[in-house]
Amino acid sequence: MSLLLGQIAPDFEQQSTQGQIRFHDWLGDSWGLFFSHPKNFTPVCTTELGEVARLDAEWKARNIKPLGLSVDPLEAHHLWDKDIAETQGHALNFPLLADADRRVANLYGMVHPESDPSVTVRAVFVIDPKKKIRLILTYPPSTGRNFNEILRSIDSLQLTDRKKVATPVNWQPGKPAIISPSLTNQQAREHFPQGWTELKPYLRIVQP
C-alpha cells in the first residue's frame, strides 16, 4: 500500500508494550509520531528508542504521541527494553507495537522487498489530530534517524498550521518565515501588522 501526504492514516488495532492499541482512538486529539524499527536487539534501533524516550518533554510540549513498531513478539520487546535502559539511560516511556505478523507494517508499506524483505525500513509518519499524514520519511535499515530534524519538521508543520506562512531552507524555530503566496499584500497586512521585508513580490520575509 502506497501512502501519500494528506491521506488519512490507516487505523489498526495491535498489541503493544502498553497494552492493546486502537490507533485512531489512542491518538485522540494529539499529533502522532509513528515510526518503525527493522528488528529487536539491533544496535542502531537501540540508540533510536533511547533517544525518543529521552525527548519525552519535547514530544509533550508539541502535543505529540510517539508510537514505535518492530516486527517481533511482545516478550522480546520487554527484554529489549531492559537493554535500552541499561545502554541508553532511558527506558521506554511510550508504546512499542508488537507486529510479529507484519500486519501493520504491511498496511503502512514499511517492508521494502528490494531493500530487505526480512525487515522493515526506518519509516517515519507524522500524523495530525485530524488523522492526516503530514510528513513521511524513509531511512534505510543501516542509517539512524536524526530526531532533531524530525522535531524541526514538526515545529514547521505546527507553525504553518497556525500562521499563513511557509518555512524557508534550513529554518529553525524562532527564525523568520515566508508569507504564503496565497495572501495578497492587503490580506498579509491583516495577518502581519508588524510588516515584512519584500525581496520579490512572491518572497516576503516576516517574523511570525
N, C-alpha and C. Protein backbone atom coordinates (compact mmCIF):
# COMPACT_ATOMS: atom_id res chain seq x y z
N MET A 1 0.85 -1.19 0.00
CA MET A 1 0.00 0.00 0.00
C MET A 1 0.88 1.24 0.00
N SER A 2 0.65 2.14 -0.92
CA SER A 2 1.43 3.36 -1.01
C SER A 2 0.66 4.50 -0.36
N LEU A 3 1.21 5.06 0.71
CA LEU A 3 0.55 6.14 1.43
C LEU A 3 1.14 7.47 0.99
N LEU A 4 0.28 8.50 0.91
CA LEU A 4 0.68 9.81 0.43
C LEU A 4 0.33 10.88 1.45
N LEU A 5 1.01 12.01 1.36
CA LEU A 5 0.71 13.12 2.23
C LEU A 5 -0.74 13.57 2.03
N GLY A 6 -1.41 13.88 3.12
CA GLY A 6 -2.80 14.33 3.06
C GLY A 6 -3.81 13.22 3.23
N GLN A 7 -3.38 11.97 3.07
CA GLN A 7 -4.30 10.85 3.27
C GLN A 7 -4.56 10.63 4.75
N ILE A 8 -5.70 10.03 5.06
CA ILE A 8 -5.98 9.60 6.43
C ILE A 8 -5.10 8.40 6.75
N ALA A 9 -4.39 8.48 7.85
CA ALA A 9 -3.53 7.37 8.25
C ALA A 9 -4.39 6.14 8.53
N PRO A 10 -4.04 4.97 8.00
CA PRO A 10 -4.85 3.77 8.24
C PRO A 10 -4.98 3.46 9.73
N ASP A 11 -6.18 3.12 10.13
CA ASP A 11 -6.43 2.72 11.51
C ASP A 11 -6.06 1.24 11.67
N PHE A 12 -5.77 0.84 12.88
CA PHE A 12 -5.44 -0.57 13.15
C PHE A 12 -5.60 -0.82 14.64
N GLU A 13 -5.62 -2.07 14.99
CA GLU A 13 -5.60 -2.49 16.39
C GLU A 13 -4.50 -3.52 16.55
N GLN A 14 -3.61 -3.30 17.50
CA GLN A 14 -2.46 -4.19 17.66
C GLN A 14 -1.97 -4.12 19.10
N GLN A 15 -1.35 -5.21 19.55
CA GLN A 15 -0.80 -5.27 20.90
C GLN A 15 0.49 -4.45 20.98
N SER A 16 0.72 -3.84 22.15
CA SER A 16 1.93 -3.05 22.36
C SER A 16 2.46 -3.28 23.77
N THR A 17 3.60 -2.68 24.05
CA THR A 17 4.18 -2.78 25.38
C THR A 17 3.34 -2.06 26.43
N GLN A 18 2.38 -1.24 26.01
CA GLN A 18 1.46 -0.56 26.93
C GLN A 18 0.02 -1.01 26.72
N GLY A 19 -0.15 -2.25 26.25
CA GLY A 19 -1.48 -2.80 26.08
C GLY A 19 -1.99 -2.69 24.64
N GLN A 20 -3.23 -3.14 24.45
CA GLN A 20 -3.84 -3.12 23.13
C GLN A 20 -4.08 -1.68 22.68
N ILE A 21 -3.72 -1.38 21.44
CA ILE A 21 -3.88 -0.03 20.91
C ILE A 21 -4.77 -0.06 19.68
N ARG A 22 -5.84 0.72 19.72
CA ARG A 22 -6.61 1.04 18.52
C ARG A 22 -6.15 2.43 18.11
N PHE A 23 -5.45 2.51 17.00
CA PHE A 23 -4.61 3.66 16.70
C PHE A 23 -5.34 5.00 16.75
N HIS A 24 -6.42 5.15 16.01
CA HIS A 24 -7.11 6.44 15.96
C HIS A 24 -7.66 6.85 17.33
N ASP A 25 -8.21 5.88 18.07
CA ASP A 25 -8.71 6.19 19.41
C ASP A 25 -7.57 6.59 20.33
N TRP A 26 -6.47 5.85 20.25
CA TRP A 26 -5.30 6.14 21.09
C TRP A 26 -4.73 7.53 20.79
N LEU A 27 -4.74 7.91 19.52
CA LEU A 27 -4.19 9.20 19.13
C LEU A 27 -5.04 10.35 19.66
N GLY A 28 -6.36 10.19 19.62
CA GLY A 28 -7.25 11.22 20.14
C GLY A 28 -7.05 12.55 19.45
N ASP A 29 -6.86 13.62 20.23
CA ASP A 29 -6.66 14.96 19.69
C ASP A 29 -5.19 15.35 19.59
N SER A 30 -4.32 14.37 19.68
CA SER A 30 -2.88 14.63 19.63
C SER A 30 -2.33 14.44 18.23
N TRP A 31 -1.14 14.97 18.01
CA TRP A 31 -0.34 14.61 16.85
C TRP A 31 0.32 13.26 17.14
N GLY A 32 0.66 12.54 16.09
CA GLY A 32 1.32 11.26 16.26
C GLY A 32 2.64 11.19 15.53
N LEU A 33 3.63 10.58 16.18
CA LEU A 33 4.90 10.23 15.53
C LEU A 33 4.96 8.70 15.50
N PHE A 34 4.71 8.13 14.34
CA PHE A 34 4.67 6.67 14.17
C PHE A 34 5.90 6.25 13.39
N PHE A 35 6.71 5.39 13.98
CA PHE A 35 7.99 5.05 13.36
C PHE A 35 8.31 3.58 13.57
N SER A 36 9.00 2.99 12.61
CA SER A 36 9.27 1.55 12.65
C SER A 36 10.76 1.27 12.83
N HIS A 37 11.02 0.08 13.37
CA HIS A 37 12.39 -0.40 13.56
C HIS A 37 12.56 -1.73 12.86
N PRO A 38 13.70 -1.94 12.20
CA PRO A 38 13.90 -3.18 11.45
C PRO A 38 13.79 -4.45 12.30
N LYS A 39 14.36 -4.40 13.52
CA LYS A 39 14.42 -5.65 14.28
C LYS A 39 14.84 -5.35 15.71
N ASN A 40 14.35 -6.15 16.66
CA ASN A 40 14.78 -6.03 18.05
C ASN A 40 16.26 -6.40 18.21
N PHE A 41 16.84 -5.90 19.28
CA PHE A 41 18.22 -6.23 19.66
C PHE A 41 19.21 -5.91 18.53
N THR A 42 18.98 -4.80 17.86
CA THR A 42 19.93 -4.31 16.87
C THR A 42 20.48 -2.98 17.37
N PRO A 43 21.73 -2.66 17.02
CA PRO A 43 22.39 -1.53 17.68
C PRO A 43 21.80 -0.17 17.36
N VAL A 44 21.52 0.11 16.08
CA VAL A 44 21.00 1.43 15.72
C VAL A 44 19.63 1.66 16.34
N CYS A 45 18.78 0.65 16.28
CA CYS A 45 17.43 0.77 16.86
C CYS A 45 17.50 1.04 18.35
N THR A 46 18.42 0.41 19.03
CA THR A 46 18.56 0.60 20.47
C THR A 46 18.84 2.06 20.79
N THR A 47 19.73 2.69 20.00
CA THR A 47 20.05 4.10 20.24
C THR A 47 18.85 4.99 19.93
N GLU A 48 18.11 4.65 18.89
CA GLU A 48 16.97 5.48 18.50
C GLU A 48 15.86 5.45 19.55
N LEU A 49 15.54 4.27 20.04
CA LEU A 49 14.48 4.17 21.03
C LEU A 49 14.85 4.89 22.33
N GLY A 50 16.13 4.81 22.69
CA GLY A 50 16.58 5.57 23.84
C GLY A 50 16.44 7.07 23.64
N GLU A 51 16.70 7.53 22.42
CA GLU A 51 16.58 8.96 22.12
C GLU A 51 15.13 9.43 22.15
N VAL A 52 14.23 8.64 21.60
CA VAL A 52 12.81 9.02 21.65
C VAL A 52 12.34 9.10 23.10
N ALA A 53 12.79 8.18 23.93
CA ALA A 53 12.43 8.22 25.35
C ALA A 53 13.03 9.47 26.01
N ARG A 54 14.27 9.81 25.69
CA ARG A 54 14.93 10.99 26.27
C ARG A 54 14.21 12.28 25.90
N LEU A 55 13.60 12.30 24.73
CA LEU A 55 12.93 13.51 24.23
C LEU A 55 11.48 13.63 24.71
N ASP A 56 11.12 12.91 25.73
CA ASP A 56 9.74 12.88 26.21
C ASP A 56 9.16 14.29 26.42
N ALA A 57 9.91 15.18 27.04
CA ALA A 57 9.40 16.54 27.30
C ALA A 57 9.17 17.31 26.00
N GLU A 58 10.01 17.05 25.00
CA GLU A 58 9.85 17.73 23.70
C GLU A 58 8.57 17.28 23.01
N TRP A 59 8.28 15.98 23.06
CA TRP A 59 7.05 15.49 22.44
C TRP A 59 5.83 16.07 23.16
N LYS A 60 5.87 16.07 24.48
CA LYS A 60 4.72 16.59 25.24
C LYS A 60 4.49 18.07 24.98
N ALA A 61 5.57 18.84 24.83
CA ALA A 61 5.44 20.27 24.57
C ALA A 61 4.76 20.54 23.23
N ARG A 62 4.84 19.58 22.31
CA ARG A 62 4.26 19.73 20.97
C ARG A 62 2.97 18.93 20.81
N ASN A 63 2.45 18.34 21.91
CA ASN A 63 1.25 17.52 21.86
C ASN A 63 1.43 16.35 20.90
N ILE A 64 2.60 15.71 20.99
CA ILE A 64 2.95 14.57 20.14
C ILE A 64 2.92 13.29 20.96
N LYS A 65 2.30 12.24 20.40
CA LYS A 65 2.38 10.91 20.99
C LYS A 65 3.27 10.04 20.12
N PRO A 66 4.43 9.60 20.62
CA PRO A 66 5.26 8.68 19.85
C PRO A 66 4.72 7.25 19.93
N LEU A 67 4.88 6.54 18.82
CA LEU A 67 4.48 5.13 18.77
C LEU A 67 5.47 4.40 17.88
N GLY A 68 6.19 3.45 18.46
CA GLY A 68 7.15 2.66 17.69
C GLY A 68 6.56 1.35 17.22
N LEU A 69 7.25 0.71 16.30
CA LEU A 69 6.83 -0.60 15.78
C LEU A 69 8.08 -1.42 15.49
N SER A 70 8.03 -2.68 15.86
CA SER A 70 9.06 -3.63 15.48
C SER A 70 8.40 -4.98 15.22
N VAL A 71 8.88 -5.69 14.21
CA VAL A 71 8.23 -6.95 13.83
C VAL A 71 8.77 -8.11 14.66
N ASP A 72 8.59 -7.98 15.95
CA ASP A 72 8.99 -9.01 16.91
C ASP A 72 7.88 -9.15 17.94
N PRO A 73 7.84 -10.28 18.66
CA PRO A 73 6.76 -10.50 19.63
C PRO A 73 6.93 -9.64 20.88
N LEU A 74 5.85 -9.52 21.63
CA LEU A 74 5.80 -8.65 22.79
C LEU A 74 6.85 -9.05 23.84
N GLU A 75 7.05 -10.34 24.05
CA GLU A 75 8.01 -10.79 25.05
C GLU A 75 9.41 -10.27 24.74
N ALA A 76 9.77 -10.26 23.47
CA ALA A 76 11.08 -9.76 23.07
C ALA A 76 11.20 -8.26 23.31
N HIS A 77 10.10 -7.54 23.12
CA HIS A 77 10.10 -6.09 23.37
C HIS A 77 10.45 -5.80 24.83
N HIS A 78 9.85 -6.54 25.75
CA HIS A 78 10.10 -6.28 27.17
C HIS A 78 11.56 -6.60 27.55
N LEU A 79 12.11 -7.64 26.95
CA LEU A 79 13.52 -7.96 27.19
C LEU A 79 14.43 -6.88 26.61
N TRP A 80 14.08 -6.42 25.43
CA TRP A 80 14.88 -5.38 24.76
C TRP A 80 14.83 -4.07 25.55
N ASP A 81 13.70 -3.78 26.15
CA ASP A 81 13.56 -2.55 26.93
C ASP A 81 14.63 -2.48 28.03
N LYS A 82 14.95 -3.61 28.63
CA LYS A 82 15.98 -3.64 29.67
C LYS A 82 17.34 -3.24 29.09
N ASP A 83 17.64 -3.72 27.90
CA ASP A 83 18.90 -3.35 27.25
C ASP A 83 18.93 -1.86 26.92
N ILE A 84 17.79 -1.33 26.45
CA ILE A 84 17.71 0.09 26.09
C ILE A 84 17.97 0.94 27.32
N ALA A 85 17.32 0.60 28.44
CA ALA A 85 17.52 1.36 29.68
C ALA A 85 18.96 1.27 30.15
N GLU A 86 19.56 0.09 30.05
CA GLU A 86 20.92 -0.11 30.53
C GLU A 86 21.94 0.64 29.69
N THR A 87 21.79 0.61 28.38
CA THR A 87 22.81 1.19 27.50
C THR A 87 22.57 2.65 27.15
N GLN A 88 21.30 3.10 27.16
CA GLN A 88 20.98 4.47 26.74
C GLN A 88 20.58 5.38 27.89
N GLY A 89 20.33 4.79 29.05
CA GLY A 89 19.97 5.60 30.20
C GLY A 89 18.52 6.02 30.23
N HIS A 90 17.71 5.52 29.31
CA HIS A 90 16.28 5.86 29.26
C HIS A 90 15.49 4.62 28.84
N ALA A 91 14.60 4.17 29.71
CA ALA A 91 13.72 3.05 29.36
C ALA A 91 12.57 3.56 28.51
N LEU A 92 11.88 2.65 27.85
CA LEU A 92 10.74 3.04 27.02
C LEU A 92 9.67 3.73 27.87
N ASN A 93 9.23 4.90 27.43
CA ASN A 93 8.13 5.60 28.10
C ASN A 93 7.02 5.91 27.11
N PHE A 94 6.97 5.13 26.05
CA PHE A 94 5.94 5.22 25.01
C PHE A 94 5.71 3.80 24.50
N PRO A 95 4.59 3.54 23.86
CA PRO A 95 4.30 2.17 23.43
C PRO A 95 5.11 1.74 22.20
N LEU A 96 5.47 0.48 22.18
CA LEU A 96 6.15 -0.14 21.04
C LEU A 96 5.27 -1.30 20.57
N LEU A 97 4.76 -1.19 19.33
CA LEU A 97 3.87 -2.23 18.81
C LEU A 97 4.63 -3.53 18.61
N ALA A 98 3.97 -4.62 18.93
CA ALA A 98 4.49 -5.95 18.66
C ALA A 98 3.82 -6.46 17.39
N ASP A 99 4.51 -6.30 16.27
CA ASP A 99 3.90 -6.56 14.95
C ASP A 99 4.52 -7.79 14.31
N ALA A 100 4.53 -8.89 15.08
CA ALA A 100 5.19 -10.11 14.59
C ALA A 100 4.54 -10.64 13.32
N ASP A 101 3.24 -10.40 13.12
CA ASP A 101 2.58 -10.87 11.90
C ASP A 101 2.71 -9.87 10.75
N ARG A 102 3.37 -8.74 11.00
CA ARG A 102 3.64 -7.69 9.99
C ARG A 102 2.37 -7.08 9.42
N ARG A 103 1.29 -7.23 10.12
CA ARG A 103 0.03 -6.71 9.60
C ARG A 103 0.07 -5.18 9.47
N VAL A 104 0.55 -4.53 10.52
CA VAL A 104 0.62 -3.07 10.49
C VAL A 104 1.75 -2.60 9.58
N ALA A 105 2.87 -3.29 9.61
CA ALA A 105 4.00 -2.92 8.76
C ALA A 105 3.60 -2.95 7.29
N ASN A 106 2.86 -3.96 6.90
CA ASN A 106 2.41 -4.05 5.51
C ASN A 106 1.34 -3.01 5.20
N LEU A 107 0.50 -2.70 6.18
CA LEU A 107 -0.54 -1.69 5.99
C LEU A 107 0.09 -0.33 5.69
N TYR A 108 1.24 -0.05 6.30
CA TYR A 108 1.92 1.23 6.11
C TYR A 108 3.09 1.15 5.12
N GLY A 109 3.24 0.04 4.43
CA GLY A 109 4.29 -0.08 3.42
C GLY A 109 5.69 0.02 4.00
N MET A 110 5.90 -0.56 5.18
CA MET A 110 7.19 -0.46 5.85
C MET A 110 8.17 -1.54 5.44
N VAL A 111 7.72 -2.55 4.74
CA VAL A 111 8.61 -3.61 4.26
C VAL A 111 8.90 -3.35 2.79
N HIS A 112 10.15 -3.14 2.46
CA HIS A 112 10.57 -2.87 1.09
C HIS A 112 11.35 -4.08 0.57
N PRO A 113 10.72 -4.95 -0.20
CA PRO A 113 11.35 -6.21 -0.60
C PRO A 113 12.67 -6.05 -1.34
N GLU A 114 12.80 -4.99 -2.13
CA GLU A 114 14.05 -4.82 -2.87
C GLU A 114 15.19 -4.35 -1.98
N SER A 115 14.85 -3.83 -0.79
CA SER A 115 15.88 -3.44 0.17
C SER A 115 16.26 -4.64 1.04
N ASP A 116 15.28 -5.17 1.77
CA ASP A 116 15.47 -6.37 2.57
C ASP A 116 14.09 -6.88 2.95
N PRO A 117 13.65 -7.98 2.37
CA PRO A 117 12.30 -8.47 2.63
C PRO A 117 12.08 -8.99 4.04
N SER A 118 13.16 -9.13 4.83
CA SER A 118 13.02 -9.73 6.16
C SER A 118 12.83 -8.71 7.27
N VAL A 119 13.02 -7.41 6.96
CA VAL A 119 12.90 -6.38 8.00
C VAL A 119 12.15 -5.18 7.45
N THR A 120 11.73 -4.30 8.36
CA THR A 120 11.10 -3.05 7.95
C THR A 120 12.19 -1.99 7.76
N VAL A 121 11.93 -1.04 6.89
CA VAL A 121 12.79 0.13 6.79
C VAL A 121 12.51 1.04 7.99
N ARG A 122 13.32 2.09 8.14
CA ARG A 122 13.08 3.05 9.23
C ARG A 122 12.09 4.11 8.74
N ALA A 123 10.83 3.76 8.77
CA ALA A 123 9.78 4.66 8.31
C ALA A 123 9.38 5.62 9.42
N VAL A 124 9.02 6.85 9.02
CA VAL A 124 8.53 7.86 9.96
C VAL A 124 7.27 8.48 9.36
N PHE A 125 6.21 8.50 10.13
CA PHE A 125 4.97 9.17 9.73
C PHE A 125 4.59 10.17 10.81
N VAL A 126 4.43 11.43 10.42
CA VAL A 126 3.88 12.44 11.32
C VAL A 126 2.42 12.62 10.94
N ILE A 127 1.55 12.47 11.92
CA ILE A 127 0.10 12.44 11.69
C ILE A 127 -0.55 13.51 12.57
N ASP A 128 -1.43 14.31 11.98
CA ASP A 128 -2.02 15.42 12.74
C ASP A 128 -3.28 14.97 13.48
N PRO A 129 -3.88 15.82 14.32
CA PRO A 129 -5.05 15.41 15.09
C PRO A 129 -6.26 15.02 14.26
N LYS A 130 -6.29 15.44 12.98
CA LYS A 130 -7.37 15.00 12.10
C LYS A 130 -7.07 13.65 11.46
N LYS A 131 -5.97 13.04 11.88
CA LYS A 131 -5.52 11.72 11.43
C LYS A 131 -4.95 11.75 10.00
N LYS A 132 -4.60 12.95 9.52
CA LYS A 132 -3.99 13.07 8.19
C LYS A 132 -2.47 12.91 8.28
N ILE A 133 -1.91 12.23 7.31
CA ILE A 133 -0.46 12.09 7.22
C ILE A 133 0.12 13.41 6.71
N ARG A 134 1.02 13.99 7.50
CA ARG A 134 1.56 15.30 7.15
C ARG A 134 3.03 15.24 6.72
N LEU A 135 3.73 14.18 7.10
CA LEU A 135 5.14 14.05 6.73
C LEU A 135 5.49 12.58 6.67
N ILE A 136 6.30 12.20 5.68
CA ILE A 136 6.78 10.82 5.55
C ILE A 136 8.29 10.88 5.32
N LEU A 137 9.03 10.14 6.12
CA LEU A 137 10.47 9.98 5.93
C LEU A 137 10.78 8.49 5.89
N THR A 138 11.71 8.11 5.05
CA THR A 138 12.10 6.71 4.96
C THR A 138 13.62 6.60 4.93
N TYR A 139 14.16 5.98 5.96
CA TYR A 139 15.60 5.74 6.05
C TYR A 139 15.87 4.26 5.82
N PRO A 140 17.04 3.92 5.27
CA PRO A 140 17.39 2.50 5.16
C PRO A 140 17.69 1.92 6.53
N PRO A 141 17.66 0.58 6.65
CA PRO A 141 17.91 -0.04 7.96
C PRO A 141 19.24 0.35 8.58
N SER A 142 20.25 0.67 7.77
CA SER A 142 21.59 0.92 8.30
C SER A 142 21.80 2.34 8.80
N THR A 143 20.86 3.26 8.54
CA THR A 143 21.06 4.68 8.86
C THR A 143 20.11 5.12 9.96
N GLY A 144 20.68 5.55 11.07
CA GLY A 144 19.87 6.05 12.18
C GLY A 144 19.24 7.39 11.84
N ARG A 145 18.07 7.63 12.39
CA ARG A 145 17.34 8.86 12.12
C ARG A 145 17.91 10.05 12.88
N ASN A 146 17.68 11.25 12.33
CA ASN A 146 18.04 12.49 13.00
C ASN A 146 16.77 13.05 13.64
N PHE A 147 16.61 12.85 14.94
CA PHE A 147 15.38 13.29 15.59
C PHE A 147 15.34 14.80 15.78
N ASN A 148 16.49 15.47 15.71
CA ASN A 148 16.46 16.93 15.70
C ASN A 148 15.74 17.44 14.45
N GLU A 149 15.97 16.79 13.33
CA GLU A 149 15.30 17.17 12.08
C GLU A 149 13.82 16.85 12.15
N ILE A 150 13.47 15.73 12.78
CA ILE A 150 12.06 15.39 12.92
C ILE A 150 11.35 16.43 13.79
N LEU A 151 11.98 16.84 14.88
CA LEU A 151 11.40 17.90 15.72
C LEU A 151 11.26 19.20 14.94
N ARG A 152 12.29 19.55 14.18
CA ARG A 152 12.25 20.78 13.38
C ARG A 152 11.10 20.74 12.38
N SER A 153 10.91 19.61 11.74
CA SER A 153 9.83 19.46 10.77
C SER A 153 8.47 19.58 11.43
N ILE A 154 8.32 19.00 12.61
CA ILE A 154 7.06 19.12 13.33
C ILE A 154 6.81 20.57 13.72
N ASP A 155 7.85 21.26 14.17
CA ASP A 155 7.70 22.68 14.51
C ASP A 155 7.24 23.48 13.30
N SER A 156 7.78 23.17 12.14
CA SER A 156 7.37 23.85 10.91
C SER A 156 5.90 23.56 10.58
N LEU A 157 5.51 22.30 10.67
CA LEU A 157 4.12 21.93 10.38
C LEU A 157 3.16 22.65 11.31
N GLN A 158 3.49 22.68 12.59
CA GLN A 158 2.58 23.29 13.55
C GLN A 158 2.54 24.81 13.40
N LEU A 159 3.68 25.41 13.09
CA LEU A 159 3.70 26.86 12.85
C LEU A 159 2.87 27.22 11.61
N THR A 160 3.08 26.48 10.53
CA THR A 160 2.38 26.82 9.28
C THR A 160 0.90 26.50 9.34
N ASP A 161 0.49 25.65 10.29
CA ASP A 161 -0.93 25.45 10.54
C ASP A 161 -1.54 26.65 11.26
N ARG A 162 -0.76 27.26 12.13
CA ARG A 162 -1.27 28.39 12.92
C ARG A 162 -1.22 29.71 12.15
N LYS A 163 -0.20 29.88 11.33
CA LYS A 163 0.03 31.17 10.65
C LYS A 163 0.03 30.93 9.14
N LYS A 164 -0.22 32.00 8.39
CA LYS A 164 -0.22 31.91 6.92
C LYS A 164 1.21 32.08 6.40
N VAL A 165 2.06 31.11 6.75
CA VAL A 165 3.46 31.19 6.36
C VAL A 165 3.94 29.82 5.88
N ALA A 166 5.10 29.86 5.23
CA ALA A 166 5.88 28.66 4.92
C ALA A 166 7.26 28.88 5.53
N THR A 167 8.01 27.81 5.73
CA THR A 167 9.34 27.96 6.33
C THR A 167 10.42 27.75 5.27
N PRO A 168 11.43 28.62 5.24
CA PRO A 168 12.46 28.54 4.19
C PRO A 168 13.50 27.48 4.49
N VAL A 169 14.45 27.36 3.59
CA VAL A 169 15.55 26.40 3.72
C VAL A 169 16.25 26.57 5.08
N ASN A 170 16.52 25.45 5.71
CA ASN A 170 17.27 25.41 6.98
C ASN A 170 16.60 26.20 8.10
N TRP A 171 15.31 26.43 7.99
CA TRP A 171 14.59 27.18 9.02
C TRP A 171 14.72 26.50 10.37
N GLN A 172 14.80 27.33 11.42
CA GLN A 172 14.78 26.86 12.80
C GLN A 172 13.73 27.64 13.57
N PRO A 173 13.12 27.05 14.60
CA PRO A 173 12.11 27.75 15.39
C PRO A 173 12.62 29.11 15.88
N GLY A 174 11.78 30.12 15.75
CA GLY A 174 12.13 31.47 16.16
C GLY A 174 12.71 32.32 15.04
N LYS A 175 13.05 31.68 13.93
CA LYS A 175 13.63 32.41 12.81
C LYS A 175 12.53 32.92 11.88
N PRO A 176 12.85 33.88 10.98
CA PRO A 176 11.85 34.41 10.06
C PRO A 176 11.28 33.33 9.13
N ALA A 177 10.07 33.57 8.69
CA ALA A 177 9.39 32.66 7.76
C ALA A 177 9.01 33.44 6.50
N ILE A 178 8.27 32.80 5.63
CA ILE A 178 7.86 33.39 4.35
C ILE A 178 6.34 33.49 4.33
N ILE A 179 5.84 34.66 3.99
CA ILE A 179 4.39 34.83 3.90
C ILE A 179 3.86 33.98 2.75
N SER A 180 2.76 33.29 3.00
CA SER A 180 2.17 32.43 1.98
C SER A 180 1.85 33.21 0.70
N PRO A 181 2.25 32.70 -0.46
CA PRO A 181 1.94 33.39 -1.73
C PRO A 181 0.45 33.53 -1.99
N SER A 182 -0.37 32.76 -1.27
CA SER A 182 -1.82 32.86 -1.48
C SER A 182 -2.39 34.15 -0.90
N LEU A 183 -1.64 34.85 -0.05
CA LEU A 183 -2.12 36.09 0.55
C LEU A 183 -1.72 37.29 -0.30
N THR A 184 -2.67 38.15 -0.59
CA THR A 184 -2.35 39.44 -1.20
C THR A 184 -1.67 40.31 -0.15
N ASN A 185 -1.08 41.41 -0.57
CA ASN A 185 -0.46 42.32 0.39
C ASN A 185 -1.48 42.86 1.38
N GLN A 186 -2.68 43.14 0.89
CA GLN A 186 -3.72 43.64 1.77
C GLN A 186 -4.07 42.59 2.83
N GLN A 187 -4.21 41.34 2.41
CA GLN A 187 -4.50 40.28 3.37
C GLN A 187 -3.33 40.07 4.31
N ALA A 188 -2.11 40.17 3.78
CA ALA A 188 -0.92 39.98 4.60
C ALA A 188 -0.84 41.04 5.70
N ARG A 189 -1.25 42.27 5.40
CA ARG A 189 -1.21 43.33 6.41
C ARG A 189 -2.15 43.02 7.57
N GLU A 190 -3.25 42.30 7.29
CA GLU A 190 -4.17 41.92 8.35
C GLU A 190 -3.55 40.86 9.26
N HIS A 191 -2.80 39.95 8.66
CA HIS A 191 -2.18 38.87 9.42
C HIS A 191 -0.87 39.29 10.08
N PHE A 192 -0.16 40.21 9.43
CA PHE A 192 1.18 40.59 9.90
C PHE A 192 1.30 42.12 9.97
N PRO A 193 0.59 42.74 10.93
CA PRO A 193 0.64 44.21 11.04
C PRO A 193 2.03 44.73 11.38
N GLN A 194 2.91 43.86 11.84
CA GLN A 194 4.27 44.27 12.16
C GLN A 194 5.10 44.56 10.90
N GLY A 195 4.57 44.16 9.74
CA GLY A 195 5.27 44.40 8.48
C GLY A 195 6.21 43.26 8.10
N TRP A 196 6.80 43.37 6.93
CA TRP A 196 7.68 42.33 6.42
C TRP A 196 8.70 42.95 5.46
N THR A 197 9.66 42.14 5.06
CA THR A 197 10.66 42.55 4.08
C THR A 197 10.34 41.86 2.76
N GLU A 198 10.15 42.64 1.71
CA GLU A 198 9.80 42.07 0.41
C GLU A 198 11.05 42.01 -0.48
N LEU A 199 11.53 40.80 -0.73
CA LEU A 199 12.66 40.61 -1.63
C LEU A 199 12.19 40.52 -3.08
N LYS A 200 11.07 39.90 -3.25
CA LYS A 200 10.35 39.82 -4.52
C LYS A 200 8.87 39.77 -4.17
N PRO A 201 7.98 40.11 -5.10
CA PRO A 201 6.55 40.03 -4.76
C PRO A 201 6.13 38.68 -4.20
N TYR A 202 6.79 37.62 -4.63
CA TYR A 202 6.46 36.28 -4.16
C TYR A 202 7.33 35.84 -2.99
N LEU A 203 8.27 36.66 -2.54
CA LEU A 203 9.22 36.30 -1.48
C LEU A 203 9.21 37.39 -0.41
N ARG A 204 8.28 37.24 0.53
CA ARG A 204 8.09 38.23 1.60
C ARG A 204 8.47 37.60 2.93
N ILE A 205 9.52 38.16 3.55
CA ILE A 205 10.07 37.60 4.77
C ILE A 205 9.45 38.28 5.97
N VAL A 206 9.00 37.47 6.94
CA VAL A 206 8.31 38.01 8.10
C VAL A 206 8.73 37.25 9.35
N GLN A 207 8.70 37.95 10.49
CA GLN A 207 8.89 37.27 11.77
C GLN A 207 7.49 36.93 12.29
N PRO A 208 7.10 35.66 12.23
CA PRO A 208 5.70 35.31 12.55
C PRO A 208 5.40 35.44 14.05
